């Protein structure tokens, strides 16, 4: 099992019945054997650019534990889910790597 973060941008019209949509996405994640460790709902935010003719989107982030062999099937399922206008799956290890200062920065401070 590996740790992943799944970022999902939902269609803004789903704000009316947001809980049903979130439940559907959580069911999709768990159907692939994912264990949801954390959920962070940012709510409705303005998009940097239009996606599918929408200026706004509902942002939700999930931290999950998932077998790496299940990432591709999960990716394919999220791609065809109508409520999702954008999504991204990254490993948490990749995020930690990006947050670490580079060795060149440490040498320059000395």
PDB file of N, CA and C in Angstrom:
ATOM      1  N   UNK A   1       0.850  -1.180   0.000  1.00  0.00           N
ATOM      2  CA  UNK A   1       0.000   0.000   0.000  1.00  0.00           C
ATOM      3  C   UNK A   1       0.890   1.236   0.000  1.00  0.00           C
ATOM      4  N   UNK A   2       0.487   2.211  -0.796  1.00  0.00           N
ATOM      5  CA  UNK A   2       1.234   3.446  -0.932  1.00  0.00           C
ATOM      6  C   UNK A   2       0.283   4.613  -0.654  1.00  0.00           C
ATOM      7  N   UNK A   3       0.812   5.721  -0.180  1.00  0.00           N
ATOM      8  CA  UNK A   3      -0.003   6.898   0.139  1.00  0.00           C
ATOM      9  C   UNK A   3      -0.119   7.809  -1.079  1.00  0.00           C
ATOM     10  N   UNK A   4      -1.343   8.220  -1.373  1.00  0.00           N
ATOM     11  CA  UNK A   4      -1.629   9.098  -2.509  1.00  0.00           C
ATOM     12  C   UNK A   4      -2.519  10.244  -2.060  1.00  0.00           C
ATOM     13  N   UNK A   5      -2.474  11.327  -2.837  1.00  0.00           N
ATOM     14  CA  UNK A   5      -3.436  12.409  -2.668  1.00  0.00           C
ATOM     15  C   UNK A   5      -4.202  12.527  -3.975  1.00  0.00           C
ATOM     16  N   UNK A   6      -5.516  12.550  -3.864  1.00  0.00           N
ATOM     17  CA  UNK A   6      -6.386  12.684  -5.027  1.00  0.00           C
ATOM     18  C   UNK A   6      -7.064  14.046  -4.926  1.00  0.00           C
ATOM     19  N   UNK A   7      -6.760  14.921  -5.880  1.00  0.00           N
ATOM     20  CA  UNK A   7      -7.393  16.237  -5.945  1.00  0.00           C
ATOM     21  C   UNK A   7      -8.493  16.174  -6.991  1.00  0.00           C
ATOM     22  N   UNK A   8      -9.684  16.613  -6.622  1.00  0.00           N
ATOM     23  CA  UNK A   8     -10.847  16.527  -7.505  1.00  0.00           C
ATOM     24  C   UNK A   8     -11.490  17.900  -7.598  1.00  0.00           C
ATOM     25  N   UNK A   9     -11.792  18.319  -8.830  1.00  0.00           N
ATOM     26  CA  UNK A   9     -12.563  19.546  -9.052  1.00  0.00           C
ATOM     27  C   UNK A   9     -13.903  19.110  -9.624  1.00  0.00           C
ATOM     28  N   UNK A  10     -14.962  19.434  -8.894  1.00  0.00           N
ATOM     29  CA  UNK A  10     -16.311  19.032  -9.277  1.00  0.00           C
ATOM     30  C   UNK A  10     -17.049  20.163  -9.975  1.00  0.00           C
ATOM     31  N   UNK A  11     -18.054  19.809 -10.744  1.00  0.00           N
ATOM     32  CA  UNK A  11     -18.895  20.784 -11.435  1.00  0.00           C
ATOM     33  C   UNK A  11     -19.558  21.691 -10.386  1.00  0.00           C
ATOM     34  N   UNK A  12     -19.562  23.017 -10.593  1.00  0.00           N
ATOM     35  CA  UNK A  12     -20.085  23.941  -9.569  1.00  0.00           C
ATOM     36  C   UNK A  12     -21.578  23.796  -9.298  1.00  0.00           C
ATOM     37  N   UNK A  13     -22.355  23.286 -10.243  1.00  0.00           N
ATOM     38  CA  UNK A  13     -23.796  23.125 -10.030  1.00  0.00           C
ATOM     39  C   UNK A  13     -24.108  22.041  -9.005  1.00  0.00           C
ATOM     40  N   UNK A  14     -23.126  21.223  -8.656  1.00  0.00           N
ATOM     41  CA  UNK A  14     -23.324  20.149  -7.686  1.00  0.00           C
ATOM     42  C   UNK A  14     -23.301  20.651  -6.253  1.00  0.00           C
ATOM     43  N   UNK A  15     -23.107  21.944  -6.075  1.00  0.00           N
ATOM     44  CA  UNK A  15     -23.065  22.533  -4.737  1.00  0.00           C
ATOM     45  C   UNK A  15     -24.390  22.320  -3.988  1.00  0.00           C
ATOM     46  N   UNK A  16     -25.474  22.205  -4.726  1.00  0.00           N
ATOM     47  CA  UNK A  16     -26.795  22.016  -4.126  1.00  0.00           C
ATOM     48  C   UNK A  16     -26.867  20.676  -3.390  1.00  0.00           C
ATOM     49  N   UNK A  17     -26.374  19.619  -4.030  1.00  0.00           N
ATOM     50  CA  UNK A  17     -26.405  18.283  -3.435  1.00  0.00           C
ATOM     51  C   UNK A  17     -24.981  17.727  -3.366  1.00  0.00           C
ATOM     52  N   UNK A  18     -24.114  18.473  -2.715  1.00  0.00           N
ATOM     53  CA  UNK A  18     -22.683  18.147  -2.659  1.00  0.00           C
ATOM     54  C   UNK A  18     -22.413  16.830  -1.923  1.00  0.00           C
ATOM     55  N   UNK A  19     -23.142  16.561  -0.859  1.00  0.00           N
ATOM     56  CA  UNK A  19     -22.887  15.369  -0.049  1.00  0.00           C
ATOM     57  C   UNK A  19     -23.103  14.077  -0.832  1.00  0.00           C
ATOM     58  N   UNK A  20     -24.109  14.038  -1.684  1.00  0.00           N
ATOM     59  CA  UNK A  20     -24.364  12.838  -2.488  1.00  0.00           C
ATOM     60  C   UNK A  20     -23.220  12.598  -3.466  1.00  0.00           C
ATOM     61  N   UNK A  21     -22.701  13.674  -4.051  1.00  0.00           N
ATOM     62  CA  UNK A  21     -21.580  13.553  -4.987  1.00  0.00           C
ATOM     63  C   UNK A  21     -20.315  13.102  -4.272  1.00  0.00           C
ATOM     64  N   UNK A  22     -20.055  13.678  -3.096  1.00  0.00           N
ATOM     65  CA  UNK A  22     -18.871  13.271  -2.333  1.00  0.00           C
ATOM     66  C   UNK A  22     -18.972  11.809  -1.918  1.00  0.00           C
ATOM     67  N   UNK A  23     -20.154  11.374  -1.556  1.00  0.00           N
ATOM     68  CA  UNK A  23     -20.374   9.968  -1.194  1.00  0.00           C
ATOM     69  C   UNK A  23     -20.084   9.063  -2.395  1.00  0.00           C
ATOM     70  N   UNK A  24     -20.509   9.495  -3.587  1.00  0.00           N
ATOM     71  CA  UNK A  24     -20.261   8.717  -4.809  1.00  0.00           C
ATOM     72  C   UNK A  24     -18.764   8.584  -5.074  1.00  0.00           C
ATOM     73  N   UNK A  25     -18.020   9.681  -4.919  1.00  0.00           N
ATOM     74  CA  UNK A  25     -16.572   9.646  -5.151  1.00  0.00           C
ATOM     75  C   UNK A  25     -15.886   8.770  -4.111  1.00  0.00           C
ATOM     76  N   UNK A  26     -16.312   8.871  -2.864  1.00  0.00           N
ATOM     77  CA  UNK A  26     -15.741   8.028  -1.811  1.00  0.00           C
ATOM     78  C   UNK A  26     -16.026   6.551  -2.088  1.00  0.00           C
ATOM     79  N   UNK A  27     -17.209   6.244  -2.616  1.00  0.00           N
ATOM     80  CA  UNK A  27     -17.526   4.869  -2.980  1.00  0.00           C
ATOM     81  C   UNK A  27     -16.639   4.372  -4.127  1.00  0.00           C
ATOM     82  N   UNK A  28     -16.355   5.252  -5.076  1.00  0.00           N
ATOM     83  CA  UNK A  28     -15.453   4.888  -6.172  1.00  0.00           C
ATOM     84  C   UNK A  28     -14.070   4.568  -5.618  1.00  0.00           C
ATOM     85  N   UNK A  29     -13.564   5.434  -4.730  1.00  0.00           N
ATOM     86  CA  UNK A  29     -12.227   5.221  -4.159  1.00  0.00           C
ATOM     87  C   UNK A  29     -12.164   3.903  -3.385  1.00  0.00           C
ATOM     88  N   UNK A  30     -13.161   3.659  -2.547  1.00  0.00           N
ATOM     89  CA  UNK A  30     -13.140   2.441  -1.731  1.00  0.00           C
ATOM     90  C   UNK A  30     -13.393   1.193  -2.562  1.00  0.00           C
ATOM     91  N   UNK A  31     -14.070   1.323  -3.698  1.00  0.00           N
ATOM     92  CA  UNK A  31     -14.310   0.152  -4.553  1.00  0.00           C
ATOM     93  C   UNK A  31     -13.010  -0.373  -5.159  1.00  0.00           C
ATOM     94  N   UNK A  32     -11.987   0.472  -5.243  1.00  0.00           N
ATOM     95  CA  UNK A  32     -10.684   0.043  -5.741  1.00  0.00           C
ATOM     96  C   UNK A  32      -9.744  -0.353  -4.608  1.00  0.00           C
ATOM     97  N   UNK A  33     -10.272  -0.458  -3.397  1.00  0.00           N
ATOM     98  CA  UNK A  33      -9.480  -0.901  -2.256  1.00  0.00           C
ATOM     99  C   UNK A  33      -8.758   0.213  -1.534  1.00  0.00           C
ATOM    100  N   UNK A  34      -9.123   1.452  -1.809  1.00  0.00           N
ATOM    101  CA  UNK A  34      -8.473   2.592  -1.155  1.00  0.00           C
ATOM    102  C   UNK A  34      -9.013   2.772   0.260  1.00  0.00           C
ATOM    103  N   UNK A  35      -8.109   3.137   1.157  1.00  0.00           N
ATOM    104  CA  UNK A  35      -8.502   3.500   2.520  1.00  0.00           C
ATOM    105  C   UNK A  35      -8.345   5.014   2.633  1.00  0.00           C
ATOM    106  N   UNK A  36      -9.439   5.723   2.825  1.00  0.00           N
ATOM    107  CA  UNK A  36      -9.411   7.186   2.908  1.00  0.00           C
ATOM    108  C   UNK A  36      -8.941   7.580   4.295  1.00  0.00           C
ATOM    109  N   UNK A  37      -7.789   8.275   4.360  1.00  0.00           N
ATOM    110  CA  UNK A  37      -7.227   8.677   5.643  1.00  0.00           C
ATOM    111  C   UNK A  37      -7.567  10.116   6.005  1.00  0.00           C
ATOM    112  N   UNK A  38      -7.833  10.958   4.997  1.00  0.00           N
ATOM    113  CA  UNK A  38      -8.147  12.360   5.272  1.00  0.00           C
ATOM    114  C   UNK A  38      -8.931  12.937   4.100  1.00  0.00           C
ATOM    115  N   UNK A  39      -9.881  13.809   4.407  1.00  0.00           N
ATOM    116  CA  UNK A  39     -10.653  14.509   3.386  1.00  0.00           C
ATOM    117  C   UNK A  39     -10.595  15.996   3.694  1.00  0.00           C
ATOM    118  N   UNK A  40     -10.296  16.794   2.675  1.00  0.00           N
ATOM    119  CA  UNK A  40     -10.210  18.237   2.839  1.00  0.00           C
ATOM    120  C   UNK A  40     -11.079  18.889   1.768  1.00  0.00           C
ATOM    121  N   UNK A  41     -12.208  19.457   2.173  1.00  0.00           N
ATOM    122  CA  UNK A  41     -13.144  20.083   1.252  1.00  0.00           C
ATOM    123  C   UNK A  41     -12.907  21.588   1.264  1.00  0.00           C
ATOM    124  N   UNK A  42     -12.421  22.114   0.154  1.00  0.00           N
ATOM    125  CA  UNK A  42     -12.153  23.552   0.061  1.00  0.00           C
ATOM    126  C   UNK A  42     -13.376  24.339  -0.371  1.00  0.00           C
ATOM    127  N   UNK A  43     -14.396  23.688  -0.854  1.00  0.00           N
ATOM    128  CA  UNK A  43     -15.608  24.375  -1.277  1.00  0.00           C
ATOM    129  C   UNK A  43     -15.475  24.969  -2.674  1.00  0.00           C
ATOM    130  N   UNK A  44     -16.335  25.920  -2.959  1.00  0.00           N
ATOM    131  CA  UNK A  44     -16.399  26.532  -4.292  1.00  0.00           C
ATOM    132  C   UNK A  44     -15.320  27.598  -4.439  1.00  0.00           C
ATOM    133  N   UNK A  45     -14.525  27.465  -5.493  1.00  0.00           N
ATOM    134  CA  UNK A  45     -13.443  28.419  -5.783  1.00  0.00           C
ATOM    135  C   UNK A  45     -13.454  28.795  -7.264  1.00  0.00           C
ATOM    136  N   UNK A  46     -12.940  29.964  -7.557  1.00  0.00           N
ATOM    137  CA  UNK A  46     -12.815  30.400  -8.950  1.00  0.00           C
ATOM    138  C   UNK A  46     -11.645  29.667  -9.590  1.00  0.00           C
ATOM    139  N   UNK A  47     -11.860  29.185 -10.804  1.00  0.00           N
ATOM    140  CA  UNK A  47     -10.811  28.492 -11.546  1.00  0.00           C
ATOM    141  C   UNK A  47      -9.867  29.503 -12.189  1.00  0.00           C
ATOM    142  N   UNK A  48      -8.627  29.111 -12.390  1.00  0.00           N
ATOM    143  CA  UNK A  48      -7.649  29.990 -13.031  1.00  0.00           C
ATOM    144  C   UNK A  48      -8.007  30.219 -14.501  1.00  0.00           C
ATOM    145  N   UNK A  49      -8.632  29.227 -15.112  1.00  0.00           N
ATOM    146  CA  UNK A  49      -9.085  29.326 -16.497  1.00  0.00           C
ATOM    147  C   UNK A  49     -10.342  28.458 -16.644  1.00  0.00           C
ATOM    148  N   UNK A  50     -11.101  28.700 -17.682  1.00  0.00           N
ATOM    149  CA  UNK A  50     -12.340  27.956 -17.871  1.00  0.00           C
ATOM    150  C   UNK A  50     -12.050  26.486 -18.172  1.00  0.00           C
ATOM    151  N   UNK A  51     -12.817  25.615 -17.535  1.00  0.00           N
ATOM    152  CA  UNK A  51     -12.763  24.185 -17.806  1.00  0.00           C
ATOM    153  C   UNK A  51     -14.183  23.758 -18.143  1.00  0.00           C
ATOM    154  N   UNK A  52     -14.378  23.212 -19.332  1.00  0.00           N
ATOM    155  CA  UNK A  52     -15.705  22.789 -19.794  1.00  0.00           C
ATOM    156  C   UNK A  52     -16.730  23.911 -19.624  1.00  0.00           C
ATOM    157  N   UNK A  53     -16.329  25.120 -20.012  1.00  0.00           N
ATOM    158  CA  UNK A  53     -17.171  26.327 -19.981  1.00  0.00           C
ATOM    159  C   UNK A  53     -17.578  26.751 -18.570  1.00  0.00           C
ATOM    160  N   UNK A  54     -16.819  26.349 -17.570  1.00  0.00           N
ATOM    161  CA  UNK A  54     -17.116  26.697 -16.175  1.00  0.00           C
ATOM    162  C   UNK A  54     -16.018  27.604 -15.616  1.00  0.00           C
ATOM    163  N   UNK A  55     -16.431  28.643 -14.875  1.00  0.00           N
ATOM    164  CA  UNK A  55     -15.491  29.555 -14.222  1.00  0.00           C
ATOM    165  C   UNK A  55     -15.220  29.158 -12.778  1.00  0.00           C
ATOM    166  N   UNK A  56     -16.089  28.330 -12.197  1.00  0.00           N
ATOM    167  CA  UNK A  56     -15.997  27.945 -10.798  1.00  0.00           C
ATOM    168  C   UNK A  56     -15.942  26.431 -10.678  1.00  0.00           C
ATOM    169  N   UNK A  57     -15.436  25.938  -9.553  1.00  0.00           N
ATOM    170  CA  UNK A  57     -15.415  24.504  -9.295  1.00  0.00           C
ATOM    171  C   UNK A  57     -15.383  24.235  -7.804  1.00  0.00           C
ATOM    172  N   UNK A  58     -15.822  23.052  -7.424  1.00  0.00           N
ATOM    173  CA  UNK A  58     -15.773  22.616  -6.025  1.00  0.00           C
ATOM    174  C   UNK A  58     -14.516  21.769  -5.849  1.00  0.00           C
ATOM    175  N   UNK A  59     -13.625  22.193  -4.967  1.00  0.00           N
ATOM    176  CA  UNK A  59     -12.353  21.502  -4.750  1.00  0.00           C
ATOM    177  C   UNK A  59     -12.443  20.574  -3.544  1.00  0.00           C
ATOM    178  N   UNK A  60     -12.039  19.311  -3.749  1.00  0.00           N
ATOM    179  CA  UNK A  60     -11.999  18.331  -2.672  1.00  0.00           C
ATOM    180  C   UNK A  60     -10.706  17.538  -2.801  1.00  0.00           C
ATOM    181  N   UNK A  61     -10.014  17.357  -1.675  1.00  0.00           N
ATOM    182  CA  UNK A  61      -8.753  16.612  -1.656  1.00  0.00           C
ATOM    183  C   UNK A  61      -8.899  15.406  -0.734  1.00  0.00           C
ATOM    184  N   UNK A  62      -8.471  14.249  -1.231  1.00  0.00           N
ATOM    185  CA  UNK A  62      -8.514  13.016  -0.447  1.00  0.00           C
ATOM    186  C   UNK A  62      -7.092  12.489  -0.289  1.00  0.00           C
ATOM    187  N   UNK A  63      -6.723  12.112   0.918  1.00  0.00           N
ATOM    188  CA  UNK A  63      -5.484  11.373   1.136  1.00  0.00           C
ATOM    189  C   UNK A  63      -5.890   9.924   1.338  1.00  0.00           C
ATOM    190  N   UNK A  64      -5.303   9.042   0.532  1.00  0.00           N
ATOM    191  CA  UNK A  64      -5.710   7.640   0.548  1.00  0.00           C
ATOM    192  C   UNK A  64      -4.493   6.728   0.599  1.00  0.00           C
ATOM    193  N   UNK A  65      -4.733   5.501   1.039  1.00  0.00           N
ATOM    194  CA  UNK A  65      -3.759   4.423   0.939  1.00  0.00           C
ATOM    195  C   UNK A  65      -4.306   3.475  -0.111  1.00  0.00           C
ATOM    196  N   UNK A  66      -3.472   3.161  -1.125  1.00  0.00           N
ATOM    197  CA  UNK A  66      -3.944   2.373  -2.255  1.00  0.00           C
ATOM    198  C   UNK A  66      -2.822   1.509  -2.799  1.00  0.00           C
ATOM    199  N   UNK A  67      -3.181   0.328  -3.267  1.00  0.00           N
ATOM    200  CA  UNK A  67      -2.237  -0.547  -3.933  1.00  0.00           C
ATOM    201  C   UNK A  67      -1.834   0.110  -5.260  1.00  0.00           C
ATOM    202  N   UNK A  68      -0.534   0.252  -5.551  1.00  0.00           N
ATOM    203  CA  UNK A  68      -0.108   0.918  -6.786  1.00  0.00           C
ATOM    204  C   UNK A  68      -0.680   0.297  -8.064  1.00  0.00           C
ATOM    205  N   UNK A  69      -1.010  -0.975  -8.033  1.00  0.00           N
ATOM    206  CA  UNK A  69      -1.586  -1.625  -9.214  1.00  0.00           C
ATOM    207  C   UNK A  69      -3.003  -1.125  -9.499  1.00  0.00           C
ATOM    208  N   UNK A  70      -3.653  -0.524  -8.533  1.00  0.00           N
ATOM    209  CA  UNK A  70      -5.023  -0.033  -8.691  1.00  0.00           C
ATOM    210  C   UNK A  70      -5.103   1.423  -9.143  1.00  0.00           C
ATOM    211  N   UNK A  71      -3.956   2.092  -9.291  1.00  0.00           N
ATOM    212  CA  UNK A  71      -3.975   3.511  -9.667  1.00  0.00           C
ATOM    213  C   UNK A  71      -4.506   3.696 -11.082  1.00  0.00           C
ATOM    214  N   UNK A  72      -4.057   2.894 -12.026  1.00  0.00           N
ATOM    215  CA  UNK A  72      -4.510   3.026 -13.415  1.00  0.00           C
ATOM    216  C   UNK A  72      -6.021   2.798 -13.537  1.00  0.00           C
ATOM    217  N   UNK A  73      -6.573   1.702 -12.970  1.00  0.00           N
ATOM    218  CA  UNK A  73      -8.040   1.543 -13.059  1.00  0.00           C
ATOM    219  C   UNK A  73      -8.812   2.681 -12.377  1.00  0.00           C
ATOM    220  N   UNK A  74      -8.300   3.178 -11.252  1.00  0.00           N
ATOM    221  CA  UNK A  74      -8.936   4.314 -10.575  1.00  0.00           C
ATOM    222  C   UNK A  74      -8.896   5.543 -11.470  1.00  0.00           C
ATOM    223  N   UNK A  75      -7.771   5.772 -12.098  1.00  0.00           N
ATOM    224  CA  UNK A  75      -7.606   6.896 -13.020  1.00  0.00           C
ATOM    225  C   UNK A  75      -8.639   6.831 -14.138  1.00  0.00           C
ATOM    226  N   UNK A  76      -8.830   5.646 -14.712  1.00  0.00           N
ATOM    227  CA  UNK A  76      -9.793   5.474 -15.796  1.00  0.00           C
ATOM    228  C   UNK A  76     -11.229   5.707 -15.311  1.00  0.00           C
ATOM    229  N   UNK A  77     -11.537   5.266 -14.115  1.00  0.00           N
ATOM    230  CA  UNK A  77     -12.893   5.454 -13.564  1.00  0.00           C
ATOM    231  C   UNK A  77     -13.178   6.934 -13.289  1.00  0.00           C
ATOM    232  N   UNK A  78     -12.198   7.650 -12.723  1.00  0.00           N
ATOM    233  CA  UNK A  78     -12.387   9.078 -12.451  1.00  0.00           C
ATOM    234  C   UNK A  78     -12.538   9.868 -13.748  1.00  0.00           C
ATOM    235  N   UNK A  79     -11.859   9.436 -14.789  1.00  0.00           N
ATOM    236  CA  UNK A  79     -11.908  10.132 -16.071  1.00  0.00           C
ATOM    237  C   UNK A  79     -13.323  10.130 -16.665  1.00  0.00           C
ATOM    238  N   UNK A  80     -14.080   9.048 -16.440  1.00  0.00           N
ATOM    239  CA  UNK A  80     -15.414   8.959 -17.049  1.00  0.00           C
ATOM    240  C   UNK A  80     -16.543   9.344 -16.097  1.00  0.00           C
ATOM    241  N   UNK A  81     -16.205   9.765 -14.886  1.00  0.00           N
ATOM    242  CA  UNK A  81     -17.225  10.202 -13.934  1.00  0.00           C
ATOM    243  C   UNK A  81     -17.691  11.603 -14.313  1.00  0.00           C
ATOM    244  N   UNK A  82     -18.980  11.762 -14.573  1.00  0.00           N
ATOM    245  CA  UNK A  82     -19.536  13.005 -15.107  1.00  0.00           C
ATOM    246  C   UNK A  82     -19.394  14.199 -14.176  1.00  0.00           C
ATOM    247  N   UNK A  83     -19.482  13.985 -12.873  1.00  0.00           N
ATOM    248  CA  UNK A  83     -19.454  15.097 -11.922  1.00  0.00           C
ATOM    249  C   UNK A  83     -18.076  15.754 -11.816  1.00  0.00           C
ATOM    250  N   UNK A  84     -17.040  15.047 -12.201  1.00  0.00           N
ATOM    251  CA  UNK A  84     -15.660  15.532 -12.071  1.00  0.00           C
ATOM    252  C   UNK A  84     -15.250  16.242 -13.350  1.00  0.00           C
ATOM    253  N   UNK A  85     -14.795  17.514 -13.202  1.00  0.00           N
ATOM    254  CA  UNK A  85     -14.303  18.218 -14.390  1.00  0.00           C
ATOM    255  C   UNK A  85     -12.778  18.175 -14.489  1.00  0.00           C
ATOM    256  N   UNK A  86     -12.086  17.965 -13.370  1.00  0.00           N
ATOM    257  CA  UNK A  86     -10.633  17.756 -13.368  1.00  0.00           C
ATOM    258  C   UNK A  86     -10.265  16.957 -12.132  1.00  0.00           C
ATOM    259  N   UNK A  87      -9.171  16.189 -12.240  1.00  0.00           N
ATOM    260  CA  UNK A  87      -8.671  15.436 -11.094  1.00  0.00           C
ATOM    261  C   UNK A  87      -7.175  15.221 -11.264  1.00  0.00           C
ATOM    262  N   UNK A  88      -6.515  14.890 -10.175  1.00  0.00           N
ATOM    263  CA  UNK A  88      -5.078  14.622 -10.197  1.00  0.00           C
ATOM    264  C   UNK A  88      -4.775  13.638  -9.076  1.00  0.00           C
ATOM    265  N   UNK A  89      -3.980  12.620  -9.403  1.00  0.00           N
ATOM    266  CA  UNK A  89      -3.551  11.641  -8.412  1.00  0.00           C
ATOM    267  C   UNK A  89      -2.031  11.726  -8.315  1.00  0.00           C
ATOM    268  N   UNK A  90      -1.519  12.020  -7.125  1.00  0.00           N
ATOM    269  CA  UNK A  90      -0.071  12.079  -6.906  1.00  0.00           C
ATOM    270  C   UNK A  90       0.274  11.292  -5.647  1.00  0.00           C
ATOM    271  N   UNK A  91       1.513  10.792  -5.612  1.00  0.00           N
ATOM    272  CA  UNK A  91       1.939  10.103  -4.397  1.00  0.00           C
ATOM    273  C   UNK A  91       2.344  11.142  -3.372  1.00  0.00           C
ATOM    274  N   UNK A  92       2.119  10.866  -2.126  1.00  0.00           N
ATOM    275  CA  UNK A  92       2.483  11.791  -1.050  1.00  0.00           C
ATOM    276  C   UNK A  92       4.006  11.916  -0.986  1.00  0.00           C
ATOM    277  N   UNK A  93       4.724  10.843  -1.328  1.00  0.00           N
ATOM    278  CA  UNK A  93       6.188  10.898  -1.339  1.00  0.00           C
ATOM    279  C   UNK A  93       6.673  11.958  -2.313  1.00  0.00           C
ATOM    280  N   UNK A  94       6.003  12.092  -3.468  1.00  0.00           N
ATOM    281  CA  UNK A  94       6.371  13.121  -4.441  1.00  0.00           C
ATOM    282  C   UNK A  94       6.160  14.510  -3.863  1.00  0.00           C
ATOM    283  N   UNK A  95       5.091  14.700  -3.112  1.00  0.00           N
ATOM    284  CA  UNK A  95       4.809  16.003  -2.506  1.00  0.00           C
ATOM    285  C   UNK A  95       5.888  16.355  -1.487  1.00  0.00           C
ATOM    286  N   UNK A  96       6.271  15.398  -0.659  1.00  0.00           N
ATOM    287  CA  UNK A  96       7.321  15.647   0.335  1.00  0.00           C
ATOM    288  C   UNK A  96       8.631  16.003  -0.343  1.00  0.00           C
ATOM    289  N   UNK A  97       8.942  15.340  -1.449  1.00  0.00           N
ATOM    290  CA  UNK A  97      10.170  15.607  -2.192  1.00  0.00           C
ATOM    291  C   UNK A  97      10.176  17.044  -2.715  1.00  0.00           C
ATOM    292  N   UNK A  98       9.039  17.514  -3.185  1.00  0.00           N
ATOM    293  CA  UNK A  98       8.961  18.873  -3.711  1.00  0.00           C
ATOM    294  C   UNK A  98       9.107  19.927  -2.625  1.00  0.00           C
ATOM    295  N   UNK A  99       8.693  19.618  -1.404  1.00  0.00           N
ATOM    296  CA  UNK A  99       8.746  20.592  -0.317  1.00  0.00           C
ATOM    297  C   UNK A  99      10.130  20.710   0.306  1.00  0.00           C
ATOM    298  N   UNK A 100      11.017  19.730   0.077  1.00  0.00           N
ATOM    299  CA  UNK A 100      12.343  19.771   0.675  1.00  0.00           C
ATOM    300  C   UNK A 100      13.217  20.784  -0.060  1.00  0.00           C
ATOM    301  N   UNK A 101      13.992  21.593   0.676  1.00  0.00           N
ATOM    302  CA  UNK A 101      14.892  22.533   0.014  1.00  0.00           C
ATOM    303  C   UNK A 101      16.019  21.766  -0.678  1.00  0.00           C
ATOM    304  N   UNK A 102      16.454  22.291  -1.793  1.00  0.00           N
ATOM    305  CA  UNK A 102      17.511  21.613  -2.542  1.00  0.00           C
ATOM    306  C   UNK A 102      18.857  21.765  -1.826  1.00  0.00           C
ATOM    307  N   UNK A 103      19.806  20.916  -2.162  1.00  0.00           N
ATOM    308  CA  UNK A 103      21.134  20.953  -1.547  1.00  0.00           C
ATOM    309  C   UNK A 103      21.862  22.234  -1.916  1.00  0.00           C
ATOM    310  N   UNK A 104      21.609  22.752  -3.121  1.00  0.00           N
ATOM    311  CA  UNK A 104      22.257  23.984  -3.549  1.00  0.00           C
ATOM    312  C   UNK A 104      21.812  25.154  -2.676  1.00  0.00           C
ATOM    313  N   UNK A 105      20.579  25.186  -2.259  1.00  0.00           N
ATOM    314  CA  UNK A 105      20.058  26.245  -1.409  1.00  0.00           C
ATOM    315  C   UNK A 105      20.746  26.195  -0.049  1.00  0.00           C
ATOM    316  N   UNK A 106      20.952  24.993   0.489  1.00  0.00           N
ATOM    317  CA  UNK A 106      21.617  24.855   1.788  1.00  0.00           C
ATOM    318  C   UNK A 106      23.066  25.326   1.709  1.00  0.00           C
ATOM    319  N   UNK A 107      23.766  25.002   0.616  1.00  0.00           N
ATOM    320  CA  UNK A 107      25.171  25.407   0.464  1.00  0.00           C
ATOM    321  C   UNK A 107      25.298  26.917   0.298  1.00  0.00           C
ATOM    322  N   UNK A 108      24.326  27.528  -0.385  1.00  0.00           N
ATOM    323  CA  UNK A 108      24.366  28.970  -0.622  1.00  0.00           C
ATOM    324  C   UNK A 108      24.188  29.748   0.685  1.00  0.00           C
ATOM    325  N   UNK A 109      23.465  29.197   1.648  1.00  0.00           N
ATOM    326  CA  UNK A 109      23.243  29.886   2.925  1.00  0.00           C
ATOM    327  C   UNK A 109      24.486  29.872   3.802  1.00  0.00           C
ATOM    328  N   UNK A 110      25.385  28.925   3.605  1.00  0.00           N
ATOM    329  CA  UNK A 110      26.580  28.833   4.454  1.00  0.00           C
ATOM    330  C   UNK A 110      27.584  29.842   4.133  1.00  0.00           C
TER     331      UNK A 110
END
